[in-house]
N, C-alpha and C. Protein backbone atom coordinates (compact mmCIF):
# COMPACT_ATOMS: atom_id res chain seq x y z
N MET A 1 3.26 -19.31 -14.89
CA MET A 1 3.62 -17.91 -14.88
C MET A 1 4.36 -17.58 -13.58
N ILE A 2 5.37 -16.79 -13.71
CA ILE A 2 6.12 -16.33 -12.53
C ILE A 2 5.61 -14.94 -12.17
N PHE A 3 5.17 -14.80 -10.94
CA PHE A 3 4.64 -13.51 -10.49
C PHE A 3 5.77 -12.68 -9.89
N THR A 4 5.98 -11.51 -10.47
CA THR A 4 6.99 -10.57 -9.99
C THR A 4 6.28 -9.49 -9.17
N PRO A 5 7.04 -8.74 -8.36
CA PRO A 5 6.41 -7.64 -7.61
C PRO A 5 5.73 -6.65 -8.56
N GLU A 6 6.35 -6.37 -9.69
CA GLU A 6 5.80 -5.40 -10.64
C GLU A 6 4.47 -5.89 -11.22
N LEU A 7 4.38 -7.17 -11.52
CA LEU A 7 3.16 -7.74 -12.07
C LEU A 7 2.02 -7.66 -11.05
N VAL A 8 2.31 -7.99 -9.80
CA VAL A 8 1.27 -7.94 -8.76
C VAL A 8 0.84 -6.49 -8.52
N LYS A 9 1.81 -5.58 -8.45
CA LYS A 9 1.47 -4.16 -8.24
C LYS A 9 0.60 -3.64 -9.37
N ALA A 10 0.93 -4.02 -10.59
CA ALA A 10 0.14 -3.56 -11.74
C ALA A 10 -1.30 -4.07 -11.62
N ARG A 11 -1.46 -5.32 -11.21
CA ARG A 11 -2.81 -5.89 -11.05
C ARG A 11 -3.58 -5.16 -9.95
N LEU A 12 -2.90 -4.81 -8.86
CA LEU A 12 -3.55 -4.11 -7.75
C LEU A 12 -3.91 -2.67 -8.11
N ARG A 13 -3.20 -2.08 -9.06
CA ARG A 13 -3.43 -0.68 -9.45
C ARG A 13 -4.45 -0.52 -10.57
N GLU A 14 -4.92 -1.62 -11.14
CA GLU A 14 -5.88 -1.53 -12.24
C GLU A 14 -7.09 -0.71 -11.81
N GLN A 15 -7.58 0.11 -12.74
CA GLN A 15 -8.76 0.94 -12.49
C GLN A 15 -9.85 0.57 -13.47
N PRO A 16 -11.03 0.25 -13.04
CA PRO A 16 -11.36 0.11 -11.63
C PRO A 16 -10.76 -1.18 -11.06
N PHE A 17 -10.53 -1.17 -9.76
CA PHE A 17 -9.98 -2.35 -9.10
C PHE A 17 -11.03 -3.46 -9.11
N VAL A 18 -10.59 -4.65 -9.48
CA VAL A 18 -11.45 -5.83 -9.45
C VAL A 18 -10.95 -6.72 -8.32
N PRO A 19 -11.78 -6.99 -7.32
CA PRO A 19 -11.35 -7.88 -6.22
C PRO A 19 -10.78 -9.18 -6.78
N LEU A 20 -9.77 -9.69 -6.09
CA LEU A 20 -9.08 -10.87 -6.60
C LEU A 20 -8.84 -11.90 -5.52
N GLN A 21 -8.45 -13.06 -5.98
CA GLN A 21 -8.09 -14.16 -5.08
C GLN A 21 -6.67 -14.59 -5.42
N ILE A 22 -5.82 -14.63 -4.41
CA ILE A 22 -4.45 -15.11 -4.57
C ILE A 22 -4.47 -16.61 -4.33
N VAL A 23 -3.92 -17.38 -5.27
CA VAL A 23 -3.87 -18.84 -5.16
C VAL A 23 -2.41 -19.25 -5.04
N THR A 24 -2.12 -20.17 -4.09
CA THR A 24 -0.74 -20.60 -3.86
C THR A 24 -0.52 -22.05 -4.31
N THR A 25 0.74 -22.45 -4.32
CA THR A 25 1.10 -23.80 -4.74
C THR A 25 0.46 -24.86 -3.86
N SER A 26 0.14 -24.54 -2.63
CA SER A 26 -0.49 -25.51 -1.73
C SER A 26 -2.00 -25.55 -1.89
N GLY A 27 -2.55 -24.64 -2.72
CA GLY A 27 -3.99 -24.57 -2.89
C GLY A 27 -4.66 -23.57 -1.96
N GLN A 28 -3.90 -22.99 -1.05
CA GLN A 28 -4.44 -21.97 -0.14
C GLN A 28 -4.85 -20.75 -0.96
N THR A 29 -5.94 -20.12 -0.57
CA THR A 29 -6.39 -18.91 -1.27
C THR A 29 -6.58 -17.77 -0.29
N TYR A 30 -6.39 -16.56 -0.81
CA TYR A 30 -6.56 -15.34 -0.01
C TYR A 30 -7.38 -14.37 -0.84
N ASP A 31 -8.54 -13.98 -0.34
CA ASP A 31 -9.40 -13.03 -1.04
C ASP A 31 -8.95 -11.61 -0.73
N VAL A 32 -8.85 -10.80 -1.77
CA VAL A 32 -8.43 -9.40 -1.63
C VAL A 32 -9.54 -8.54 -2.22
N ARG A 33 -10.27 -7.84 -1.35
CA ARG A 33 -11.40 -7.04 -1.80
C ARG A 33 -11.07 -5.55 -1.90
N HIS A 34 -9.85 -5.18 -1.47
CA HIS A 34 -9.40 -3.79 -1.59
C HIS A 34 -7.88 -3.82 -1.79
N PRO A 35 -7.36 -3.03 -2.73
CA PRO A 35 -5.92 -3.09 -3.04
C PRO A 35 -5.01 -2.67 -1.88
N ASP A 36 -5.52 -1.87 -0.96
CA ASP A 36 -4.70 -1.43 0.17
C ASP A 36 -4.42 -2.55 1.17
N LEU A 37 -5.07 -3.70 0.99
CA LEU A 37 -4.87 -4.81 1.93
C LEU A 37 -3.70 -5.71 1.54
N VAL A 38 -2.98 -5.35 0.47
CA VAL A 38 -1.81 -6.13 0.06
C VAL A 38 -0.61 -5.21 0.00
N PHE A 39 0.46 -5.61 0.68
CA PHE A 39 1.73 -4.90 0.65
C PHE A 39 2.71 -5.80 -0.10
N VAL A 40 3.30 -5.27 -1.16
CA VAL A 40 4.17 -6.06 -2.03
C VAL A 40 5.63 -5.76 -1.70
N THR A 41 6.41 -6.83 -1.44
CA THR A 41 7.86 -6.68 -1.25
C THR A 41 8.56 -7.40 -2.39
N GLU A 42 9.87 -7.41 -2.39
CA GLU A 42 10.62 -8.06 -3.47
C GLU A 42 10.37 -9.57 -3.54
N GLU A 43 10.10 -10.18 -2.40
CA GLU A 43 9.97 -11.63 -2.37
C GLU A 43 8.64 -12.16 -1.84
N SER A 44 7.79 -11.26 -1.33
CA SER A 44 6.55 -11.77 -0.75
C SER A 44 5.42 -10.74 -0.82
N LEU A 45 4.25 -11.23 -0.49
CA LEU A 45 3.07 -10.38 -0.35
C LEU A 45 2.62 -10.45 1.10
N MET A 46 2.33 -9.32 1.66
CA MET A 46 1.74 -9.27 2.99
C MET A 46 0.26 -9.01 2.77
N VAL A 47 -0.57 -10.00 3.10
CA VAL A 47 -2.00 -9.92 2.83
C VAL A 47 -2.73 -9.70 4.15
N GLY A 48 -3.42 -8.58 4.24
CA GLY A 48 -4.13 -8.25 5.47
C GLY A 48 -5.57 -8.71 5.44
N LEU A 49 -6.05 -9.18 6.58
CA LEU A 49 -7.46 -9.54 6.74
C LEU A 49 -8.21 -8.24 7.03
N PRO A 50 -9.26 -7.93 6.26
CA PRO A 50 -9.95 -6.65 6.46
C PRO A 50 -10.71 -6.59 7.78
N SER A 51 -10.81 -5.39 8.31
CA SER A 51 -11.59 -5.13 9.51
C SER A 51 -13.07 -5.30 9.19
N SER A 52 -13.84 -5.80 10.14
CA SER A 52 -15.28 -5.95 9.92
C SER A 52 -15.97 -4.58 9.89
N LYS A 53 -15.35 -3.57 10.49
CA LYS A 53 -15.94 -2.23 10.52
C LYS A 53 -15.64 -1.43 9.25
N ASP A 54 -14.46 -1.65 8.66
CA ASP A 54 -14.05 -0.91 7.47
C ASP A 54 -13.20 -1.83 6.61
N PRO A 55 -13.71 -2.28 5.47
CA PRO A 55 -12.98 -3.25 4.65
C PRO A 55 -11.70 -2.72 4.02
N THR A 56 -11.42 -1.41 4.16
CA THR A 56 -10.18 -0.86 3.62
C THR A 56 -9.07 -0.82 4.67
N ILE A 57 -9.37 -1.24 5.89
CA ILE A 57 -8.40 -1.22 6.99
C ILE A 57 -8.10 -2.64 7.43
N VAL A 58 -6.82 -2.92 7.64
CA VAL A 58 -6.40 -4.25 8.10
C VAL A 58 -6.77 -4.42 9.57
N SER A 59 -7.34 -5.58 9.90
CA SER A 59 -7.81 -5.83 11.26
C SER A 59 -6.69 -6.12 12.24
N GLY A 60 -5.48 -6.29 11.78
CA GLY A 60 -4.37 -6.65 12.65
C GLY A 60 -3.82 -8.03 12.32
N HIS A 61 -4.55 -8.77 11.51
CA HIS A 61 -4.10 -10.10 11.08
C HIS A 61 -3.52 -10.00 9.68
N VAL A 62 -2.26 -10.39 9.55
CA VAL A 62 -1.56 -10.31 8.27
C VAL A 62 -0.90 -11.65 7.99
N THR A 63 -0.96 -12.08 6.74
CA THR A 63 -0.32 -13.33 6.32
C THR A 63 0.73 -13.01 5.27
N ARG A 64 1.90 -13.62 5.41
CA ARG A 64 2.96 -13.45 4.42
C ARG A 64 2.90 -14.60 3.42
N VAL A 65 2.87 -14.25 2.14
CA VAL A 65 2.84 -15.25 1.07
C VAL A 65 4.05 -15.02 0.18
N ALA A 66 4.92 -16.01 0.05
CA ALA A 66 6.08 -15.89 -0.82
C ALA A 66 5.64 -15.81 -2.27
N LEU A 67 6.18 -14.86 -3.01
CA LEU A 67 5.83 -14.73 -4.42
C LEU A 67 6.10 -16.01 -5.19
N ALA A 68 7.14 -16.74 -4.79
CA ALA A 68 7.47 -18.00 -5.46
C ALA A 68 6.34 -19.02 -5.36
N HIS A 69 5.45 -18.85 -4.39
CA HIS A 69 4.34 -19.79 -4.19
C HIS A 69 3.01 -19.31 -4.76
N VAL A 70 3.00 -18.12 -5.35
CA VAL A 70 1.78 -17.62 -5.97
C VAL A 70 1.66 -18.24 -7.37
N THR A 71 0.53 -18.92 -7.60
CA THR A 71 0.32 -19.58 -8.89
C THR A 71 -0.72 -18.88 -9.75
N GLU A 72 -1.57 -18.08 -9.12
CA GLU A 72 -2.65 -17.46 -9.88
C GLU A 72 -3.23 -16.27 -9.14
N LEU A 73 -3.66 -15.27 -9.89
CA LEU A 73 -4.43 -14.15 -9.37
C LEU A 73 -5.77 -14.21 -10.11
N ARG A 74 -6.80 -14.67 -9.42
CA ARG A 74 -8.13 -14.84 -10.04
C ARG A 74 -9.02 -13.65 -9.71
N ASP A 75 -9.83 -13.23 -10.66
CA ASP A 75 -10.84 -12.21 -10.39
C ASP A 75 -11.92 -12.83 -9.51
N LEU A 76 -12.22 -12.20 -8.38
CA LEU A 76 -13.29 -12.70 -7.51
C LEU A 76 -14.65 -12.57 -8.17
N ALA A 77 -14.82 -11.58 -9.03
CA ALA A 77 -16.11 -11.38 -9.69
C ALA A 77 -16.53 -12.62 -10.47
N ARG A 78 -15.57 -13.36 -11.02
CA ARG A 78 -15.88 -14.56 -11.78
C ARG A 78 -16.13 -15.76 -10.89
N LEU A 79 -15.70 -15.70 -9.63
CA LEU A 79 -15.83 -16.83 -8.73
C LEU A 79 -17.16 -16.85 -7.99
N VAL A 80 -17.85 -15.72 -7.93
CA VAL A 80 -19.09 -15.63 -7.16
C VAL A 80 -20.28 -15.72 -8.10
N SER A 81 -21.18 -16.63 -7.79
CA SER A 81 -22.38 -16.80 -8.60
C SER A 81 -23.34 -15.66 -8.33
N PRO A 82 -23.81 -14.95 -9.37
CA PRO A 82 -24.72 -13.83 -9.14
C PRO A 82 -26.08 -14.24 -8.59
N SER A 83 -26.48 -15.49 -8.79
CA SER A 83 -27.80 -15.92 -8.35
C SER A 83 -27.91 -16.10 -6.84
N ASN A 84 -26.85 -16.65 -6.21
CA ASN A 84 -26.97 -16.89 -4.78
C ASN A 84 -25.77 -16.38 -3.97
N GLY A 85 -24.75 -15.78 -4.65
CA GLY A 85 -23.62 -15.19 -3.94
C GLY A 85 -22.64 -16.17 -3.36
N THR A 86 -22.72 -17.46 -3.74
CA THR A 86 -21.78 -18.43 -3.24
C THR A 86 -20.78 -18.80 -4.30
N THR A 87 -19.63 -19.29 -3.87
CA THR A 87 -18.63 -19.72 -4.83
C THR A 87 -18.96 -21.11 -5.32
N PRO A 88 -18.67 -21.37 -6.61
CA PRO A 88 -18.99 -22.70 -7.17
C PRO A 88 -18.15 -23.79 -6.59
């Protein structure tokens, strides 16, 4: 699947928002627990690391991910085991 800016924006705007994980061609992942932590441009995503004080505010650390390298947007809810809260 090719991820376009419109497709990513639509996923981020879903109500209710479901936290997601961005997966890249290199296998790197980025967890997104609030939609305001991702800024979508024509060619990339700016993914902010949330502040420890307020998860809706970027802590100052931002990573740029080229849309061409995004391979999957996974729901985080499916990745976390309800029994112990760890990822499989």
